[in-house]
C-alpha cells in the first residue's frame, strides 16, 4: 500500500525485472478492439484485452489519438494484477504533445515521439509507474507506434493481422517513401 498526496493506492509491488518480464511475455488478444475508432470528446480511441499465452497475466491495451492534432497519440499497455492491486501502465508510446507542467523546453521528451516505461523507482517514489520518458526514433505516427508497440509487447502475429489489419496497413506514403 502506498500513500501519496492525492490518496492511497494499492500498487502491485514491482521490480524493474518484473516489469520487463511482463512486457516480454507472449500475449494474445482476448477482447478484440472495435474495427472503427470510438470518439470520446476530443480523442478517438480503441481498447482491447490481452492475456499472456501461459494464462498467467492479464492486460488492457489502449490507443488514443487527438481528433484535431493527429501527432498527439498514445498507445499503451496496462497490467491488471489478479491480487486486488491497482493496475499499472507498463508502457506508453506517445507522439509529441508539447508542454508538460507548463515547462516550455524543446528538448523535453514530450516535444518528440517518446516512450514512457514503468520503473520500480517511480512506483516506490509515489509517481505514476510510467512517469519516465525517453525520446525515440522508432515511430513518428500512430500507425508506426502501433506496429512498434504490438511487436514490443509480444502480441501474437496472427492476432496482429486479424485485429489490427486496418490500423497496420501501409499508406501510399509508407509505400512510396519507405516509412
Foldseek 3Di string as FASTA:
>chain_A
DDADPVGDFQADQDAPVRLLVQLAQAKEWDFFWDPDWPDDPQKTKTKTKMAGPVRQWIKIWMKIAGNVDQQFIKTWIWTDDPPPGDIATAKIFGGADADDPPDHDCVDQNRGGKMFGAHSVCVVVVHRRRPDIDHDPQDRGSLSVVVVSCVSSNYDPVNCCVRCVVSNDDDPCCVVVVD
